[in-house]
């Protein structure tokens, strides 16, 4: 495909989420643009988001009313994250209802646990906070407290860690939550944490940490809380580091993965071979085939560095 044909493919009306995200993230159109407004209006009506909403219980939850996190990938937390990725917001009534129910389930306080007094699971808390920011709750006191907690738990040298395992690149979810906020909405402490976290990733060129870990080099979707180099590129470009030369290695990988027709494949639905789940992964597209979501994300990164 010529570049114009790739854009035509992404702008096809059958999937309004991809059309909306391409118009705004790749082509840089404002949310007030008539094309953008028309595409966004259709997101809950047809395509992937509409299919997810159709599986929602009228009370606002998915799969189970007593667990927002289990089963993995298909219950309320996971579906809310995907809907936030697809461009929906609290402006859609049923999303607002589900978001309020979800926050009442305390995903930002206890992470993946249900036991009061237990420290939040950092990865799920960061994932949930980022999703709620994308859904329009960046000023909600519950979300701000979660973001403050993320800042508090940052290592003095810039990274974060899972369960005391030491600072590591795949503990990216806190930086992702901070990056989801526009700079003008970050407090001074959040901005310092974002800058320190960005430097932590840049020092390691998004991947230099111990032996080569193959899942980081496979692009996956939905992202949820798993890391790969496309996730890293999105983080750093969102934070304004698109021109930093330390992104070169990751950008070269991105270019190598581009198909001859100008698109990118979905490499994997679930990238992490070391932490398999018994629950079936959730997917919007087929692994090993051209992916609209991966392609628009890759083009958005390239637009931010050019």
Protein backbone atom coordinates (compact mmCIF):
# COMPACT_ATOMS: atom_id res chain seq x y z
CA UNK A 1 0.00 0.00 0.00
CA UNK A 2 1.10 3.57 -0.68
CA UNK A 3 1.01 5.81 2.42
CA UNK A 4 -2.30 7.26 1.31
CA UNK A 5 -3.77 3.78 0.96
CA UNK A 6 -2.69 2.89 4.50
CA UNK A 7 -4.48 5.98 5.78
CA UNK A 8 -7.54 5.13 3.72
CA UNK A 9 -7.52 1.68 5.36
CA UNK A 10 -7.34 3.21 8.84
CA UNK A 11 -10.05 5.75 8.04
CA UNK A 12 -12.59 3.17 6.87
CA UNK A 13 -15.93 4.00 8.54
CA UNK A 14 -16.63 0.43 9.67
CA UNK A 15 -14.37 0.91 12.70
CA UNK A 16 -15.03 4.43 14.02
CA UNK A 17 -12.59 4.07 16.92
CA UNK A 18 -9.69 3.59 14.53
CA UNK A 19 -10.98 6.38 12.30
CA UNK A 20 -11.27 8.77 15.26
CA UNK A 21 -7.83 7.90 16.64
CA UNK A 22 -6.22 8.20 13.21
CA UNK A 23 -7.77 11.60 12.63
CA UNK A 24 -6.59 12.91 15.99
CA UNK A 25 -3.35 11.07 16.73
CA UNK A 26 -1.91 10.62 13.24
CA UNK A 27 -3.38 13.49 11.24
CA UNK A 28 -3.48 15.93 14.15
CA UNK A 29 -7.07 17.10 13.69
CA UNK A 30 -8.74 18.83 16.61
CA UNK A 31 -11.61 17.26 18.54
CA UNK A 32 -13.85 20.02 17.21
CA UNK A 33 -13.24 19.07 13.60
CA UNK A 34 -16.50 17.87 11.97
CA UNK A 35 -14.92 14.60 10.78
CA UNK A 36 -13.57 13.92 14.26
CA UNK A 37 -16.88 14.67 15.94
CA UNK A 38 -18.77 12.44 13.51
CA UNK A 39 -16.37 9.54 14.03
CA UNK A 40 -16.43 9.88 17.82
CA UNK A 41 -20.22 9.94 17.87
CA UNK A 42 -20.29 6.56 16.09
CA UNK A 43 -17.82 4.80 18.43
CA UNK A 44 -20.47 3.46 20.85
CA UNK A 45 -22.82 2.65 17.97
CA UNK A 46 -20.80 0.28 15.79
CA UNK A 47 -17.54 -1.66 15.70
CA UNK A 48 -15.41 -2.96 18.56
CA UNK A 49 -16.60 -0.59 21.27
CA UNK A 50 -20.24 -1.23 20.46
CA UNK A 51 -19.61 -4.98 20.67
CA UNK A 52 -18.02 -4.59 24.13
CA UNK A 53 -20.87 -2.40 25.34
CA UNK A 54 -23.38 -4.98 24.10
CA UNK A 55 -21.85 -7.52 26.53
CA UNK A 56 -22.18 -5.12 29.46
CA UNK A 57 -24.73 -5.99 32.13
CA UNK A 58 -27.39 -3.26 32.46
CA UNK A 59 -26.11 -2.68 36.00
CA UNK A 60 -22.78 -1.58 34.54
CA UNK A 61 -20.41 -4.53 34.97
CA UNK A 62 -18.97 -7.26 32.75
CA UNK A 63 -18.94 -11.01 33.55
CA UNK A 64 -19.23 -10.77 37.37
CA UNK A 65 -20.82 -8.22 39.63
CA UNK A 66 -18.63 -9.17 42.59
CA UNK A 67 -15.18 -8.99 40.96
CA UNK A 68 -13.94 -6.15 38.79
CA UNK A 69 -10.65 -7.92 37.98
CA UNK A 70 -11.49 -11.59 37.54
CA UNK A 71 -11.60 -13.31 35.12
CA UNK A 72 -8.58 -11.68 33.57
CA UNK A 73 -9.09 -9.82 30.29
CA UNK A 74 -12.90 -9.93 30.11
CA UNK A 75 -14.24 -8.58 33.41
CA UNK A 76 -14.99 -4.96 34.25
CA UNK A 77 -11.48 -3.57 34.73
CA UNK A 78 -10.22 -4.97 31.46
CA UNK A 79 -13.23 -3.86 29.45
CA UNK A 80 -13.03 -0.33 30.83
CA UNK A 81 -9.37 -0.17 29.86
CA UNK A 82 -10.15 -1.28 26.31
CA UNK A 83 -13.01 1.21 25.99
CA UNK A 84 -10.65 3.99 27.09
CA UNK A 85 -8.15 2.84 24.45
CA UNK A 86 -10.87 2.98 21.79
CA UNK A 87 -11.64 6.66 22.35
CA UNK A 88 -14.75 6.47 24.51
CA UNK A 89 -15.21 8.82 27.45
CA UNK A 90 -17.59 9.70 30.25
CA UNK A 91 -19.57 11.72 27.70
CA UNK A 92 -21.23 8.41 26.75
CA UNK A 93 -23.87 7.76 29.42
CA UNK A 94 -23.29 4.03 29.85
CA UNK A 95 -19.53 4.59 30.12
CA UNK A 96 -20.11 7.15 32.87
CA UNK A 97 -22.36 4.69 34.70
CA UNK A 98 -19.81 1.88 34.43
CA UNK A 99 -16.94 4.15 35.43
CA UNK A 100 -18.71 5.21 38.60
CA UNK A 101 -19.53 1.58 39.41
CA UNK A 102 -15.93 0.58 38.68
CA UNK A 103 -14.47 3.27 40.93
CA UNK A 104 -16.86 2.10 43.63
CA UNK A 105 -15.22 -1.31 43.32
CA UNK A 106 -11.97 0.46 44.35
CA UNK A 107 -9.62 -0.57 41.53
CA UNK A 108 -7.40 2.40 42.45
CA UNK A 109 -7.10 1.51 46.11
CA UNK A 110 -6.57 -2.22 46.25
CA UNK A 111 -5.31 -3.01 42.79
CA UNK A 112 -5.93 -6.63 41.95
CA UNK A 113 -6.68 -7.60 45.55
CA UNK A 114 -9.91 -7.35 47.51
CA UNK A 115 -8.36 -7.09 50.98
CA UNK A 116 -8.52 -3.70 52.74
CA UNK A 117 -5.18 -2.54 54.04
CA UNK A 118 -3.14 -4.35 51.38
CA UNK A 119 -0.83 -2.18 49.29
CA UNK A 120 -2.20 -1.67 45.78
CA UNK A 121 -0.87 -3.84 43.03
CA UNK A 122 1.14 -1.19 41.26
CA UNK A 123 0.62 -2.53 37.73
CA UNK A 124 -3.18 -2.70 37.90
CA UNK A 125 -3.44 0.61 39.76
CA UNK A 126 -1.38 2.38 37.10
CA UNK A 127 -3.38 0.74 34.33
CA UNK A 128 -6.66 1.77 35.93
CA UNK A 129 -5.55 5.34 36.63
CA UNK A 130 -4.42 5.83 33.03
CA UNK A 131 -7.72 4.46 31.73
CA UNK A 132 -9.72 6.77 33.97
CA UNK A 133 -7.71 9.76 32.82
CA UNK A 134 -8.43 8.84 29.19
CA UNK A 135 -12.11 8.46 30.07
CA UNK A 136 -12.19 12.02 31.41
CA UNK A 137 -11.60 11.59 35.16
CA UNK A 138 -8.18 13.21 35.42
CA UNK A 139 -9.44 15.71 38.01
CA UNK A 140 -11.41 13.18 40.07
CA UNK A 141 -10.01 13.11 43.65
CA UNK A 142 -9.80 9.32 43.56
CA UNK A 143 -7.65 9.41 40.44
CA UNK A 144 -5.49 12.23 41.79
CA UNK A 145 -4.83 10.23 44.96
CA UNK A 146 -3.76 7.27 42.84
CA UNK A 147 -1.41 9.47 40.83
CA UNK A 148 0.05 10.94 44.01
CA UNK A 149 0.65 7.39 45.28
CA UNK A 150 2.47 6.56 42.05
CA UNK A 151 4.72 9.59 42.55
CA UNK A 152 5.36 8.60 46.17
CA UNK A 153 6.40 5.06 45.19
CA UNK A 154 8.86 6.11 42.50
CA UNK A 155 12.48 5.12 43.15
CA UNK A 156 14.77 8.14 43.66
CA UNK A 157 16.65 7.18 40.48
CA UNK A 158 13.52 7.22 38.36
CA UNK A 159 11.98 3.79 37.93
CA UNK A 160 9.31 1.75 39.67
CA UNK A 161 9.11 -1.90 40.66
CA UNK A 162 6.65 -4.75 40.99
CA UNK A 163 6.39 -6.45 44.38
CA UNK A 164 9.85 -5.33 45.50
CA UNK A 165 11.55 -6.95 42.51
CA UNK A 166 13.71 -3.89 41.84
CA UNK A 167 13.33 -1.12 39.29
CA UNK A 168 12.57 -2.49 35.85
CA UNK A 169 11.37 -1.36 32.45
CA UNK A 170 8.21 -3.43 32.44
CA UNK A 171 7.06 -1.50 35.53
CA UNK A 172 5.95 1.27 33.18
CA UNK A 173 2.33 1.68 34.25
CA UNK A 174 2.93 4.58 36.65
CA UNK A 175 4.75 6.55 33.98
CA UNK A 176 1.91 5.66 31.61
CA UNK A 177 -0.63 7.12 34.02
CA UNK A 178 1.38 10.33 34.33
CA UNK A 179 1.85 10.53 30.55
CA UNK A 180 -1.89 10.21 30.00
CA UNK A 181 -2.38 13.57 31.73
CA UNK A 182 -1.75 16.71 29.68
CA UNK A 183 1.28 18.50 31.07
CA UNK A 184 -0.80 21.44 32.29
CA UNK A 185 -2.84 19.06 34.46
CA UNK A 186 0.16 17.52 36.23
CA UNK A 187 1.19 18.87 39.61
CA UNK A 188 4.80 19.94 40.04
CA UNK A 189 5.60 16.63 41.76
CA UNK A 190 3.92 14.67 38.97
CA UNK A 191 5.93 16.56 36.34
CA UNK A 192 9.19 15.88 38.19
CA UNK A 193 8.28 12.20 38.45
CA UNK A 194 7.45 12.07 34.74
CA UNK A 195 10.78 13.66 33.82
CA UNK A 196 12.72 11.35 36.12
CA UNK A 197 10.82 8.32 34.83
CA UNK A 198 11.43 9.32 31.22
CA UNK A 199 15.15 9.58 31.87
CA UNK A 200 15.11 6.11 33.43
CA UNK A 201 13.68 4.67 30.21
CA UNK A 202 15.87 6.77 27.92
CA UNK A 203 19.06 5.75 29.73
CA UNK A 204 18.18 2.16 28.87
CA UNK A 205 17.07 2.95 25.31
CA UNK A 206 13.69 1.39 26.21
CA UNK A 207 15.10 -2.15 26.27
CA UNK A 208 18.62 -2.44 27.73
CA UNK A 209 18.10 -4.33 30.98
CA UNK A 210 19.63 -7.74 31.52
CA UNK A 211 19.42 -10.50 28.88
CA UNK A 212 17.29 -9.78 25.83
CA UNK A 213 13.64 -10.41 26.72
CA UNK A 214 11.80 -11.38 23.56
CA UNK A 215 8.25 -10.32 24.58
CA UNK A 216 9.43 -6.70 24.66
CA UNK A 217 10.14 -6.94 20.93
CA UNK A 218 6.66 -8.23 20.03
CA UNK A 219 3.94 -5.65 19.51
CA UNK A 220 0.72 -6.65 21.22
CA UNK A 221 -2.84 -5.42 21.67
CA UNK A 222 -4.72 -4.67 23.83
CA UNK A 223 -1.79 -3.29 25.81
CA UNK A 224 -3.37 -3.66 29.28
CA UNK A 225 -0.35 -3.55 31.63
CA UNK A 226 2.21 -5.39 29.50
CA UNK A 227 5.29 -3.71 28.09
CA UNK A 228 6.84 -3.74 24.64
CA UNK A 229 8.97 -1.25 22.72
CA UNK A 230 5.98 0.30 20.97
CA UNK A 231 4.52 1.00 24.42
CA UNK A 232 7.84 2.61 25.38
CA UNK A 233 7.87 4.77 22.26
CA UNK A 234 4.31 5.92 22.93
CA UNK A 235 5.24 6.87 26.49
CA UNK A 236 8.30 8.89 25.58
CA UNK A 237 6.74 10.67 22.62
CA UNK A 238 3.66 11.52 24.70
CA UNK A 239 5.99 13.10 27.25
CA UNK A 240 7.70 15.18 24.57
CA UNK A 241 10.94 13.21 24.04
CA UNK A 242 10.38 12.33 20.39
CA UNK A 243 13.63 13.96 19.29
CA UNK A 244 15.83 12.27 21.89
CA UNK A 245 18.56 10.24 20.09
CA UNK A 246 18.26 7.44 22.63
CA UNK A 247 14.99 6.41 20.95
CA UNK A 248 16.88 5.49 17.78
CA UNK A 249 17.21 1.77 18.52
CA UNK A 250 13.49 1.41 19.27
CA UNK A 251 12.57 3.49 16.20
CA UNK A 252 14.76 1.29 14.02
CA UNK A 253 12.88 -1.74 15.34
CA UNK A 254 9.60 -0.02 14.52
CA UNK A 255 10.74 0.57 10.93
CA UNK A 256 11.99 -3.01 10.55
CA UNK A 257 8.61 -4.29 11.61
CA UNK A 258 6.78 -2.27 8.96
CA UNK A 259 5.39 -4.58 6.29
CA UNK A 260 6.22 -3.97 2.61
CA UNK A 261 2.65 -2.67 2.20
CA UNK A 262 3.23 0.00 4.86
CA UNK A 263 1.22 -1.63 7.64
CA UNK A 264 2.25 -3.38 10.85
CA UNK A 265 1.17 -6.79 12.11
CA UNK A 266 -0.21 -7.65 15.51
CA UNK A 267 2.63 -9.85 16.76
CA UNK A 268 0.84 -11.22 19.81
CA UNK A 269 -2.28 -10.83 21.87
CA UNK A 270 -0.50 -11.65 25.12
CA UNK A 271 3.26 -10.97 24.95
CA UNK A 272 4.47 -12.32 28.27
CA UNK A 273 5.59 -15.95 28.11
CA UNK A 274 6.81 -15.98 31.70
CA UNK A 275 3.48 -15.11 33.29
CA UNK A 276 0.75 -17.06 31.52
CA UNK A 277 -2.83 -16.79 32.75
CA UNK A 278 -5.42 -19.53 32.82
CA UNK A 279 -8.01 -17.08 31.51
CA UNK A 280 -8.26 -16.72 27.75
CA UNK A 281 -6.66 -13.51 26.45
CA UNK A 282 -8.95 -10.91 24.94
CA UNK A 283 -8.32 -9.76 21.39
CA UNK A 284 -9.86 -7.36 18.89
CA UNK A 285 -7.67 -8.48 15.99
CA UNK A 286 -5.90 -11.62 14.80
CA UNK A 287 -2.26 -12.18 15.74
CA UNK A 288 0.07 -12.48 12.76
CA UNK A 289 -2.12 -10.33 10.52
CA UNK A 290 -2.12 -6.62 9.63
CA UNK A 291 -3.44 -4.66 12.60
CA UNK A 292 -5.25 -1.35 12.43
CA UNK A 293 -4.51 -0.65 16.09
CA UNK A 294 -0.78 -1.38 15.84
CA UNK A 295 -0.52 0.52 12.55
CA UNK A 296 -2.20 3.67 13.86
CA UNK A 297 -0.10 3.59 17.04
CA UNK A 298 3.09 3.17 15.00
CA UNK A 299 2.16 6.02 12.68
CA UNK A 300 1.26 8.22 15.66
CA UNK A 301 4.74 7.62 17.12
CA UNK A 302 6.38 8.46 13.79
CA UNK A 303 4.25 11.60 13.48
CA UNK A 304 5.50 12.67 16.91
CA UNK A 305 9.19 12.23 16.02
CA UNK A 306 9.07 13.86 12.56
